[in-house]
Amino acid sequence: MEHISNLVKAQVLNDALPYIQRYHDKVVVVKYGGNAMTSPELKDAVMSDIVLLSLVGIRVVLVHGGGPEISEMLKRVGIESRFVGGLRYTDAETAEIVRMVLAGKVNKELVSLLEQAGGTALGLCGSDGRMISVKKMESSEDLGFVGEITDVSVKPIADALEKGYIPVVATIATDEAGQVYNINADTAAARIAAALGAENLILMTDIKGLLADKNDESTLIPEVNVSDVPFLKKQGIISGGMIPKIDCCVEAVRRGVSKTCIIDGRLAHSILIEILSNEGVGTLFH
C-alpha cells in the first residue's frame, strides 16, 4: 500500500507542476472569512495551503475580516451589533473595538498560525504605511464610521513580499484626523489585488460559488464573463449578499486582475484545488 500511496503522491506533485510554474513569482490575494475562519480544522487547512503555495514560489497575500469575533467582543462589552444593508453600523466606540479585534486579536492569531505551519508571516493593517486611504461611506442610511476606499498604496505589502513574508492584512484604516474606519474586507481585497497586479483574487465564502438556483448546489455556474453580470442580476441569479461579493470580483477584473474566484471555504484545501488543478472549486470571473 505504501508503494501505491507514494506513487500517487508523486503523480499528484507531477500534475501540479504546470500550475506551480504558471503561478511562480505571481501574486495571489486570498480574502479569508466565513466558516473557514471559525472551524479549527478548516483554519489549519487554509494556513498549510498558504504556506505550501508560498514555499513553491507563489506570492500569497492574506486579507481578512473577522465579523463573528467583532460581534462576540461587542456582546461582551454590552454593545448590540446592528447591520444596515449587510454592513455593520459602526459608531466611534464600535470602531475602536473593530480595530482592537481585527488588527490586534485576529491579525496576530493568523500570523502565529502561519508561523506554526512553517511560514514566515507579517501582520499589517490598512493604517500601516498609509496603505488604505478612506473617507466616510455615503449611503441612504447613516453607517457611522464605515469607510469607502479612496486610494490604495501597496508599498508595505510589496516590501513584505520582496523580503519573503506572507503579508496578513486587517481591513481597517484611519483618516487624516486619526479616526478609525471599518472597511468591507471583500472590497479591500479587490482593491489590493488590483494595485498589486495580482494573477488571482480568491474570495473564500460559505457557499459553493454562484448558483443558478440558490437552493440547489448542483447548479454551480463554474465560469462567468464579467460582461454577463448585469444580465445575471436582472435574472435574479445574482441577488442579496452575493451582489457586493460579485461586484468586488467584477471591479478587480476591470482593474486588471487576471481572474477572480469565489470558492467554497467549507471545503478543506479548497485554495490548493483552485490554484493547483484544472477543476477549480467555485465560480471563476474573467
C-alpha atoms as a PDB file:
ATOM      1  CA  MET A   1       0.000   0.000   0.000  1.00  0.00           C
ATOM      2  CA  GLU A   2       2.835   2.367   0.896  1.00  0.00           C
ATOM      3  CA  HIS A   3       4.305   1.867  -2.578  1.00  0.00           C
ATOM      4  CA  ILE A   4       0.994   2.828  -4.191  1.00  0.00           C
ATOM      5  CA  SER A   5       0.477   5.851  -1.965  1.00  0.00           C
ATOM      6  CA  ASN A   6       3.986   7.141  -2.738  1.00  0.00           C
ATOM      7  CA  LEU A   7       3.291   6.655  -6.434  1.00  0.00           C
ATOM      8  CA  VAL A   8       0.033   8.573  -6.061  1.00  0.00           C
ATOM      9  CA  LYS A   9       1.852  11.345  -4.180  1.00  0.00           C
ATOM     10  CA  ALA A  10       4.444  11.591  -6.954  1.00  0.00           C
ATOM     11  CA  GLN A  11       1.680  11.733  -9.572  1.00  0.00           C
ATOM     12  CA  VAL A  12      -0.145  14.479  -7.663  1.00  0.00           C
ATOM     13  CA  LEU A  13       3.021  16.589  -7.482  1.00  0.00           C
ATOM     14  CA  ASN A  14       3.715  15.970 -11.157  1.00  0.00           C
ATOM     15  CA  ASP A  15       0.169  17.033 -12.089  1.00  0.00           C
ATOM     16  CA  ALA A  16       0.553  20.201 -10.011  1.00  0.00           C
ATOM     17  CA  LEU A  17       3.843  21.198 -11.701  1.00  0.00           C
ATOM     18  CA  PRO A  18       2.384  23.173 -14.663  1.00  0.00           C
ATOM     19  CA  TYR A  19       0.219  25.202 -12.250  1.00  0.00           C
ATOM     20  CA  ILE A  20       3.174  25.868  -9.940  1.00  0.00           C
ATOM     21  CA  GLN A  21       5.155  27.054 -12.974  1.00  0.00           C
ATOM     22  CA  ARG A  22       2.269  29.244 -14.167  1.00  0.00           C
ATOM     23  CA  TYR A  23       1.913  30.957 -10.789  1.00  0.00           C
ATOM     24  CA  HIS A  24       5.620  31.111  -9.866  1.00  0.00           C
ATOM     25  CA  ASP A  25       6.514  34.620  -8.652  1.00  0.00           C
ATOM     26  CA  LYS A  26       2.944  35.802  -9.323  1.00  0.00           C
ATOM     27  CA  VAL A  27       0.728  37.399  -6.666  1.00  0.00           C
ATOM     28  CA  VAL A  28      -2.381  35.643  -5.373  1.00  0.00           C
ATOM     29  CA  VAL A  29      -4.643  37.549  -2.961  1.00  0.00           C
ATOM     30  CA  VAL A  30      -6.823  35.406  -0.689  1.00  0.00           C
ATOM     31  CA  LYS A  31      -9.747  37.033   1.124  1.00  0.00           C
ATOM     32  CA  TYR A  32     -10.259  34.865   4.180  1.00  0.00           C
ATOM     33  CA  GLY A  33     -13.574  34.748   6.005  1.00  0.00           C
ATOM     34  CA  GLY A  34     -16.695  32.756   6.824  1.00  0.00           C
ATOM     35  CA  ASN A  35     -16.673  29.212   8.160  1.00  0.00           C
ATOM     36  CA  ALA A  36     -13.035  28.627   7.199  1.00  0.00           C
ATOM     37  CA  MET A  37     -12.181  31.225   9.827  1.00  0.00           C
ATOM     38  CA  THR A  38     -14.139  29.659  12.689  1.00  0.00           C
ATOM     39  CA  SER A  39     -13.592  25.895  12.232  1.00  0.00           C
ATOM     40  CA  PRO A  40     -10.178  24.841  13.672  1.00  0.00           C
ATOM     41  CA  GLU A  41      -9.740  22.058  11.058  1.00  0.00           C
ATOM     42  CA  LEU A  42     -10.516  24.359   8.137  1.00  0.00           C
ATOM     43  CA  LYS A  43      -8.321  27.081   9.628  1.00  0.00           C
ATOM     44  CA  ASP A  44      -5.368  24.651   9.771  1.00  0.00           C
ATOM     45  CA  ALA A  45      -6.017  23.587   6.156  1.00  0.00           C
ATOM     46  CA  VAL A  46      -6.054  27.218   4.953  1.00  0.00           C
ATOM     47  CA  MET A  47      -2.816  28.021   6.801  1.00  0.00           C
ATOM     48  CA  SER A  48      -0.994  24.966   5.435  1.00  0.00           C
ATOM     49  CA  ASP A  49      -2.274  25.717   1.885  1.00  0.00           C
ATOM     50  CA  ILE A  50      -0.947  29.274   2.051  1.00  0.00           C
ATOM     51  CA  VAL A  51       2.421  28.187   3.441  1.00  0.00           C
ATOM     52  CA  LEU A  52       2.756  25.499   0.749  1.00  0.00           C
ATOM     53  CA  LEU A  53       1.976  27.994  -2.036  1.00  0.00           C
ATOM     54  CA  SER A  54       4.454  30.445  -0.535  1.00  0.00           C
ATOM     55  CA  LEU A  55       7.194  27.788  -0.350  1.00  0.00           C
ATOM     56  CA  VAL A  56       6.783  26.869  -4.040  1.00  0.00           C
ATOM     57  CA  GLY A  57       7.348  30.499  -5.029  1.00  0.00           C
ATOM     58  CA  ILE A  58       3.814  31.917  -5.215  1.00  0.00           C
ATOM     59  CA  ARG A  59       3.445  35.318  -3.513  1.00  0.00           C
ATOM     60  CA  VAL A  60       0.361  34.985  -1.331  1.00  0.00           C
ATOM     61  CA  VAL A  61      -1.326  37.927   0.407  1.00  0.00           C
ATOM     62  CA  LEU A  62      -3.963  37.096   3.037  1.00  0.00           C
ATOM     63  CA  VAL A  63      -6.673  39.738   3.557  1.00  0.00           C
ATOM     64  CA  HIS A  64      -9.112  39.105   6.389  1.00  0.00           C
ATOM     65  CA  GLY A  65     -12.180  40.417   8.158  1.00  0.00           C
ATOM     66  CA  GLY A  66     -13.479  38.998  11.414  1.00  0.00           C
ATOM     67  CA  GLY A  67     -17.216  39.612  11.701  1.00  0.00           C
ATOM     68  CA  PRO A  68     -18.016  36.853  14.247  1.00  0.00           C
ATOM     69  CA  GLU A  69     -15.135  37.892  16.549  1.00  0.00           C
ATOM     70  CA  ILE A  70     -16.244  41.546  16.389  1.00  0.00           C
ATOM     71  CA  SER A  71     -19.840  40.592  17.227  1.00  0.00           C
ATOM     72  CA  GLU A  72     -18.637  38.448  20.125  1.00  0.00           C
ATOM     73  CA  MET A  73     -16.489  41.244  21.583  1.00  0.00           C
ATOM     74  CA  LEU A  74     -19.288  43.826  21.198  1.00  0.00           C
ATOM     75  CA  LYS A  75     -21.639  41.458  23.021  1.00  0.00           C
ATOM     76  CA  ARG A  76     -19.086  41.047  25.776  1.00  0.00           C
ATOM     77  CA  VAL A  77     -18.909  44.821  26.338  1.00  0.00           C
ATOM     78  CA  GLY A  78     -22.690  45.222  26.042  1.00  0.00           C
ATOM     79  CA  ILE A  79     -22.951  46.840  22.590  1.00  0.00           C
ATOM     80  CA  GLU A  80     -25.604  45.484  20.242  1.00  0.00           C
ATOM     81  CA  SER A  81     -24.492  44.606  16.683  1.00  0.00           C
ATOM     82  CA  ARG A  82     -26.581  46.440  14.107  1.00  0.00           C
ATOM     83  CA  PHE A  83     -26.434  45.939  10.343  1.00  0.00           C
ATOM     84  CA  VAL A  84     -27.640  48.304   7.631  1.00  0.00           C
ATOM     85  CA  GLY A  85     -27.896  46.714   4.177  1.00  0.00           C
ATOM     86  CA  GLY A  86     -25.406  43.990   5.107  1.00  0.00           C
ATOM     87  CA  LEU A  87     -22.831  46.442   6.529  1.00  0.00           C
ATOM     88  CA  ARG A  88     -22.110  46.813  10.246  1.00  0.00           C
ATOM     89  CA  TYR A  89     -23.258  50.136  11.712  1.00  0.00           C
ATOM     90  CA  THR A  90     -20.063  51.466  13.298  1.00  0.00           C
ATOM     91  CA  ASP A  91     -20.201  54.239  15.903  1.00  0.00           C
ATOM     92  CA  ALA A  92     -16.991  55.638  17.455  1.00  0.00           C
ATOM     93  CA  GLU A  93     -16.896  53.039  20.251  1.00  0.00           C
ATOM     94  CA  THR A  94     -17.563  50.164  17.826  1.00  0.00           C
ATOM     95  CA  ALA A  95     -14.799  51.466  15.521  1.00  0.00           C
ATOM     96  CA  GLU A  96     -12.274  51.200  18.376  1.00  0.00           C
ATOM     97  CA  ILE A  97     -13.400  47.628  19.118  1.00  0.00           C
ATOM     98  CA  VAL A  98     -13.187  46.732  15.423  1.00  0.00           C
ATOM     99  CA  ARG A  99      -9.571  47.987  15.399  1.00  0.00           C
ATOM    100  CA  MET A 100      -8.736  46.079  18.575  1.00  0.00           C
ATOM    101  CA  VAL A 101     -10.269  42.808  17.332  1.00  0.00           C
ATOM    102  CA  LEU A 102      -9.097  42.905  13.689  1.00  0.00           C
ATOM    103  CA  ALA A 103      -5.636  44.489  13.915  1.00  0.00           C
ATOM    104  CA  GLY A 104      -4.918  43.055  17.359  1.00  0.00           C
ATOM    105  CA  LYS A 105      -6.502  39.703  18.079  1.00  0.00           C
ATOM    106  CA  VAL A 106      -7.438  38.201  14.684  1.00  0.00           C
ATOM    107  CA  ASN A 107      -4.451  39.512  12.707  1.00  0.00           C
ATOM    108  CA  LYS A 108      -1.863  38.347  15.210  1.00  0.00           C
ATOM    109  CA  GLU A 109      -3.554  34.945  15.630  1.00  0.00           C
ATOM    110  CA  LEU A 110      -3.334  34.386  11.857  1.00  0.00           C
ATOM    111  CA  VAL A 111       0.323  35.440  11.785  1.00  0.00           C
ATOM    112  CA  SER A 112       1.004  32.996  14.609  1.00  0.00           C
ATOM    113  CA  LEU A 113      -0.871  30.143  12.857  1.00  0.00           C
ATOM    114  CA  LEU A 114       1.059  30.714   9.609  1.00  0.00           C
ATOM    115  CA  GLU A 115       4.336  30.664  11.566  1.00  0.00           C
ATOM    116  CA  GLN A 116       3.279  27.413  13.290  1.00  0.00           C
ATOM    117  CA  ALA A 117       2.566  25.916   9.844  1.00  0.00           C
ATOM    118  CA  GLY A 118       6.143  26.707   8.778  1.00  0.00           C
ATOM    119  CA  GLY A 119       5.619  30.046   7.051  1.00  0.00           C
ATOM    120  CA  THR A 120       7.060  33.500   7.680  1.00  0.00           C
ATOM    121  CA  ALA A 121       4.231  35.995   8.086  1.00  0.00           C
ATOM    122  CA  LEU A 122       3.937  39.706   8.783  1.00  0.00           C
ATOM    123  CA  GLY A 123       0.790  41.368  10.164  1.00  0.00           C
ATOM    124  CA  LEU A 124      -0.347  44.662   8.643  1.00  0.00           C
ATOM    125  CA  CYS A 125      -3.491  46.796   8.609  1.00  0.00           C
ATOM    126  CA  GLY A 126      -4.813  49.475   6.278  1.00  0.00           C
ATOM    127  CA  SER A 127      -3.380  52.233   8.516  1.00  0.00           C
ATOM    128  CA  ASP A 128       0.210  50.941   8.170  1.00  0.00           C
ATOM    129  CA  GLY A 129       2.318  52.917   5.709  1.00  0.00           C
ATOM    130  CA  ARG A 130      -0.865  54.735   4.594  1.00  0.00           C
ATOM    131  CA  MET A 131      -1.803  51.565   2.756  1.00  0.00           C
ATOM    132  CA  ILE A 132      -5.538  52.324   2.556  1.00  0.00           C
ATOM    133  CA  SER A 133      -6.909  55.873   2.368  1.00  0.00           C
ATOM    134  CA  VAL A 134     -10.578  56.221   3.305  1.00  0.00           C
ATOM    135  CA  LYS A 135     -13.447  58.628   3.507  1.00  0.00           C
ATOM    136  CA  LYS A 136     -16.825  58.150   5.192  1.00  0.00           C
ATOM    137  CA  MET A 137     -19.051  55.969   3.038  1.00  0.00           C
ATOM    138  CA  GLU A 138     -22.042  57.806   1.652  1.00  0.00           C
ATOM    139  CA  SER A 139     -25.282  55.844   1.764  1.00  0.00           C
ATOM    140  CA  SER A 140     -29.003  56.479   2.088  1.00  0.00           C
ATOM    141  CA  GLU A 141     -28.820  55.462   5.758  1.00  0.00           C
ATOM    142  CA  ASP A 142     -26.014  56.573   8.069  1.00  0.00           C
ATOM    143  CA  LEU A 143     -23.499  53.751   8.659  1.00  0.00           C
ATOM    144  CA  GLY A 144     -21.288  55.634  11.095  1.00  0.00           C
ATOM    145  CA  PHE A 145     -17.564  55.065  10.596  1.00  0.00           C
ATOM    146  CA  VAL A 146     -17.736  52.659   7.657  1.00  0.00           C
ATOM    147  CA  GLY A 147     -15.040  53.627   5.196  1.00  0.00           C
ATOM    148  CA  GLU A 148     -15.049  53.946   1.437  1.00  0.00           C
ATOM    149  CA  ILE A 149     -11.604  53.376  -0.076  1.00  0.00           C
ATOM    150  CA  THR A 150     -10.264  56.412  -1.927  1.00  0.00           C
ATOM    151  CA  ASP A 151      -6.729  55.168  -2.601  1.00  0.00           C
ATOM    152  CA  VAL A 152      -4.507  52.125  -2.056  1.00  0.00           C
ATOM    153  CA  SER A 153      -0.705  52.185  -1.683  1.00  0.00           C
ATOM    154  CA  VAL A 154       0.611  48.629  -1.669  1.00  0.00           C
ATOM    155  CA  LYS A 155       4.243  49.504  -0.941  1.00  0.00           C
ATOM    156  CA  PRO A 156       4.133  47.941   2.588  1.00  0.00           C
ATOM    157  CA  ILE A 157       2.708  44.701   1.092  1.00  0.00           C
ATOM    158  CA  ALA A 158       5.147  44.692  -1.847  1.00  0.00           C
ATOM    159  CA  ASP A 159       8.089  45.288   0.523  1.00  0.00           C
ATOM    160  CA  ALA A 160       6.942  42.386   2.749  1.00  0.00           C
ATOM    161  CA  LEU A 161       6.582  40.060  -0.284  1.00  0.00           C
ATOM    162  CA  GLU A 162      10.026  41.133  -1.539  1.00  0.00           C
ATOM    163  CA  LYS A 163      11.554  40.071   1.795  1.00  0.00           C
ATOM    164  CA  GLY A 164       9.803  36.678   1.653  1.00  0.00           C
ATOM    165  CA  TYR A 165       6.978  37.335   4.134  1.00  0.00           C
ATOM    166  CA  ILE A 166       3.337  36.324   3.765  1.00  0.00           C
ATOM    167  CA  PRO A 167       1.540  39.657   4.398  1.00  0.00           C
ATOM    168  CA  VAL A 168      -1.605  39.329   6.536  1.00  0.00           C
ATOM    169  CA  VAL A 169      -3.796  42.420   6.136  1.00  0.00           C
ATOM    170  CA  ALA A 170      -6.541  43.543   8.550  1.00  0.00           C
ATOM    171  CA  THR A 171      -9.147  45.707   6.829  1.00  0.00           C
ATOM    172  CA  ILE A 172      -9.329  48.814   8.968  1.00  0.00           C
ATOM    173  CA  ALA A 173      -7.940  52.238   8.131  1.00  0.00           C
ATOM    174  CA  THR A 174      -7.666  55.707   9.648  1.00  0.00           C
ATOM    175  CA  ASP A 175      -8.374  59.057   8.025  1.00  0.00           C
ATOM    176  CA  GLU A 176      -6.071  62.094   8.256  1.00  0.00           C
ATOM    177  CA  ALA A 177      -7.595  63.071  11.599  1.00  0.00           C
ATOM    178  CA  GLY A 178      -6.846  59.597  13.022  1.00  0.00           C
ATOM    179  CA  GLN A 179     -10.467  58.403  13.043  1.00  0.00           C
ATOM    180  CA  VAL A 180     -10.705  54.613  12.668  1.00  0.00           C
ATOM    181  CA  TYR A 181     -12.897  53.264   9.849  1.00  0.00           C
ATOM    182  CA  ASN A 182     -14.236  49.756   9.330  1.00  0.00           C
ATOM    183  CA  ILE A 183     -13.841  48.599   5.696  1.00  0.00           C
ATOM    184  CA  ASN A 184     -15.571  45.754   3.868  1.00  0.00           C
ATOM    185  CA  ALA A 185     -12.925  43.014   3.541  1.00  0.00           C
ATOM    186  CA  ASP A 186     -14.076  41.876   0.066  1.00  0.00           C
ATOM    187  CA  THR A 187     -13.773  45.429  -1.266  1.00  0.00           C
ATOM    188  CA  ALA A 188     -10.348  45.904   0.335  1.00  0.00           C
ATOM    189  CA  ALA A 189      -9.098  42.577  -1.084  1.00  0.00           C
ATOM    190  CA  ALA A 190     -10.281  43.556  -4.593  1.00  0.00           C
ATOM    191  CA  ARG A 191      -8.536  46.935  -4.468  1.00  0.00           C
ATOM    192  CA  ILE A 192      -5.325  45.443  -3.014  1.00  0.00           C
ATOM    193  CA  ALA A 193      -5.304  42.696  -5.690  1.00  0.00           C
ATOM    194  CA  ALA A 194      -5.732  45.311  -8.432  1.00  0.00           C
ATOM    195  CA  ALA A 195      -2.996  47.578  -7.036  1.00  0.00           C
ATOM    196  CA  LEU A 196      -0.595  44.593  -6.833  1.00  0.00           C
ATOM    197  CA  GLY A 197      -1.457  43.452 -10.393  1.00  0.00           C
ATOM    198  CA  ALA A 198      -2.410  40.071  -8.905  1.00  0.00           C
ATOM    199  CA  GLU A 199      -2.806  36.978 -11.050  1.00  0.00           C
ATOM    200  CA  ASN A 200      -5.747  35.773  -8.991  1.00  0.00           C
ATOM    201  CA  LEU A 201      -8.092  37.063  -6.301  1.00  0.00           C
ATOM    202  CA  ILE A 202      -9.771  34.296  -4.305  1.00  0.00           C
ATOM    203  CA  LEU A 203     -12.775  35.101  -2.095  1.00  0.00           C
ATOM    204  CA  MET A 204     -13.498  32.339   0.412  1.00  0.00           C
ATOM    205  CA  THR A 205     -17.212  32.075   1.234  1.00  0.00           C
ATOM    206  CA  ASP A 206     -19.688  29.744   2.927  1.00  0.00           C
ATOM    207  CA  ILE A 207     -21.292  28.680  -0.346  1.00  0.00           C
ATOM    208  CA  LYS A 208     -20.140  26.595  -3.282  1.00  0.00           C
ATOM    209  CA  GLY A 209     -19.977  29.588  -5.625  1.00  0.00           C
ATOM    210  CA  LEU A 210     -22.558  31.294  -7.806  1.00  0.00           C
ATOM    211  CA  LEU A 211     -25.572  29.011  -8.174  1.00  0.00           C
ATOM    212  CA  ALA A 212     -28.197  29.207 -10.961  1.00  0.00           C
ATOM    213  CA  ASP A 213     -30.696  28.104  -8.282  1.00  0.00           C
ATOM    214  CA  LYS A 214     -29.566  29.331  -4.873  1.00  0.00           C
ATOM    215  CA  ASN A 215     -31.245  26.372  -3.160  1.00  0.00           C
ATOM    216  CA  ASP A 216     -29.538  23.723  -5.298  1.00  0.00           C
ATOM    217  CA  GLU A 217     -25.762  23.301  -5.005  1.00  0.00           C
ATOM    218  CA  SER A 218     -25.680  21.121  -8.125  1.00  0.00           C
ATOM    219  CA  THR A 219     -26.457  24.251 -10.209  1.00  0.00           C
ATOM    220  CA  LEU A 220     -22.992  25.789  -9.717  1.00  0.00           C
ATOM    221  CA  ILE A 221     -22.014  28.169 -12.526  1.00  0.00           C
ATOM    222  CA  PRO A 222     -18.291  27.428 -12.985  1.00  0.00           C
ATOM    223  CA  GLU A 223     -17.377  30.446 -15.144  1.00  0.00           C
ATOM    224  CA  VAL A 224     -18.798  33.924 -15.641  1.00  0.00           C
ATOM    225  CA  ASN A 225     -17.668  36.618 -18.046  1.00  0.00           C
ATOM    226  CA  VAL A 226     -17.889  39.933 -16.167  1.00  0.00           C
ATOM    227  CA  SER A 227     -19.913  41.420 -19.047  1.00  0.00           C
ATOM    228  CA  ASP A 228     -22.713  38.911 -18.227  1.00  0.00           C
ATOM    229  CA  VAL A 229     -23.065  40.110 -14.614  1.00  0.00           C
ATOM    230  CA  PRO A 230     -25.762  42.801 -15.240  1.00  0.00           C
ATOM    231  CA  PHE A 231     -27.879  40.195 -17.078  1.00  0.00           C
ATOM    232  CA  LEU A 232     -27.449  37.679 -14.218  1.00  0.00           C
ATOM    233  CA  LYS A 233     -28.543  40.370 -11.732  1.00  0.00           C
ATOM    234  CA  LYS A 234     -31.602  41.151 -13.837  1.00  0.00           C
ATOM    235  CA  GLN A 235     -32.498  37.456 -13.853  1.00  0.00           C
ATOM    236  CA  GLY A 236     -32.181  37.345 -10.060  1.00  0.00           C
ATOM    237  CA  ILE A 237     -29.373  34.746 -10.188  1.00  0.00           C
ATOM    238  CA  ILE A 238     -27.059  37.266  -8.542  1.00  0.00           C
ATOM    239  CA  SER A 239     -29.030  38.640  -5.595  1.00  0.00           C
ATOM    240  CA  GLY A 240     -28.853  39.509  -1.891  1.00  0.00           C
ATOM    241  CA  GLY A 241     -25.493  39.070  -0.202  1.00  0.00           C
ATOM    242  CA  MET A 242     -23.886  37.820  -3.423  1.00  0.00           C
ATOM    243  CA  ILE A 243     -24.262  41.230  -5.110  1.00  0.00           C
ATOM    244  CA  PRO A 244     -21.458  43.034  -3.195  1.00  0.00           C
ATOM    245  CA  LYS A 245     -19.148  39.983  -3.441  1.00  0.00           C
ATOM    246  CA  ILE A 246     -19.585  39.694  -7.185  1.00  0.00           C
ATOM    247  CA  ASP A 247     -19.285  43.467  -7.652  1.00  0.00           C
ATOM    248  CA  CYS A 248     -15.848  43.131  -5.992  1.00  0.00           C
ATOM    249  CA  CYS A 249     -14.893  40.369  -8.439  1.00  0.00           C
ATOM    250  CA  VAL A 250     -16.016  42.489 -11.395  1.00  0.00           C
ATOM    251  CA  GLU A 251     -14.140  45.546 -10.123  1.00  0.00           C
ATOM    252  CA  ALA A 252     -10.937  43.529  -9.597  1.00  0.00           C
ATOM    253  CA  VAL A 253     -11.068  42.092 -13.144  1.00  0.00           C
ATOM    254  CA  ARG A 254     -11.850  45.533 -14.628  1.00  0.00           C
ATOM    255  CA  ARG A 255      -8.867  46.955 -12.726  1.00  0.00           C
ATOM    256  CA  GLY A 256      -6.522  44.379 -14.250  1.00  0.00           C
ATOM    257  CA  VAL A 257      -6.585  41.268 -12.016  1.00  0.00           C
ATOM    258  CA  SER A 258      -6.315  38.296 -14.426  1.00  0.00           C
ATOM    259  CA  LYS A 259      -9.119  36.333 -12.782  1.00  0.00           C
ATOM    260  CA  THR A 260     -11.118  36.218  -9.577  1.00  0.00           C
ATOM    261  CA  CYS A 261     -12.805  33.244  -7.944  1.00  0.00           C
ATOM    262  CA  ILE A 262     -15.481  32.765  -5.329  1.00  0.00           C
ATOM    263  CA  ILE A 263     -14.674  29.427  -3.675  1.00  0.00           C
ATOM    264  CA  ASP A 264     -16.220  27.238  -1.001  1.00  0.00           C
ATOM    265  CA  GLY A 265     -14.295  27.854   2.207  1.00  0.00           C
ATOM    266  CA  ARG A 266     -16.133  24.947   3.879  1.00  0.00           C
ATOM    267  CA  LEU A 267     -14.127  22.517   1.744  1.00  0.00           C
ATOM    268  CA  ALA A 268     -10.703  21.634   3.173  1.00  0.00           C
ATOM    269  CA  HIS A 269      -7.774  22.644   0.916  1.00  0.00           C
ATOM    270  CA  SER A 270     -10.091  24.500  -1.480  1.00  0.00           C
ATOM    271  CA  ILE A 271      -7.296  27.047  -2.162  1.00  0.00           C
ATOM    272  CA  LEU A 272      -4.916  24.325  -3.356  1.00  0.00           C
ATOM    273  CA  ILE A 273      -7.600  22.731  -5.516  1.00  0.00           C
ATOM    274  CA  GLU A 274      -8.369  26.140  -7.038  1.00  0.00           C
ATOM    275  CA  ILE A 275      -4.769  27.024  -7.881  1.00  0.00           C
ATOM    276  CA  LEU A 276      -3.023  23.709  -8.482  1.00  0.00           C
ATOM    277  CA  SER A 277      -5.622  21.846 -10.555  1.00  0.00           C
ATOM    278  CA  ASN A 278      -7.706  22.240 -13.658  1.00  0.00           C
ATOM    279  CA  GLU A 279     -11.007  21.590 -11.873  1.00  0.00           C
ATOM    280  CA  GLY A 280     -11.286  24.611  -9.590  1.00  0.00           C
ATOM    281  CA  VAL A 281     -13.887  24.574  -6.829  1.00  0.00           C
ATOM    282  CA  GLY A 282     -16.115  27.579  -7.302  1.00  0.00           C
ATOM    283  CA  THR A 283     -17.064  30.276  -9.791  1.00  0.00           C
ATOM    284  CA  LEU A 284     -14.381  31.942 -11.882  1.00  0.00           C
ATOM    285  CA  PHE A 285     -14.867  35.528 -13.119  1.00  0.00           C
ATOM    286  CA  HIS A 286     -12.802  36.717 -16.062  1.00  0.00           C
END
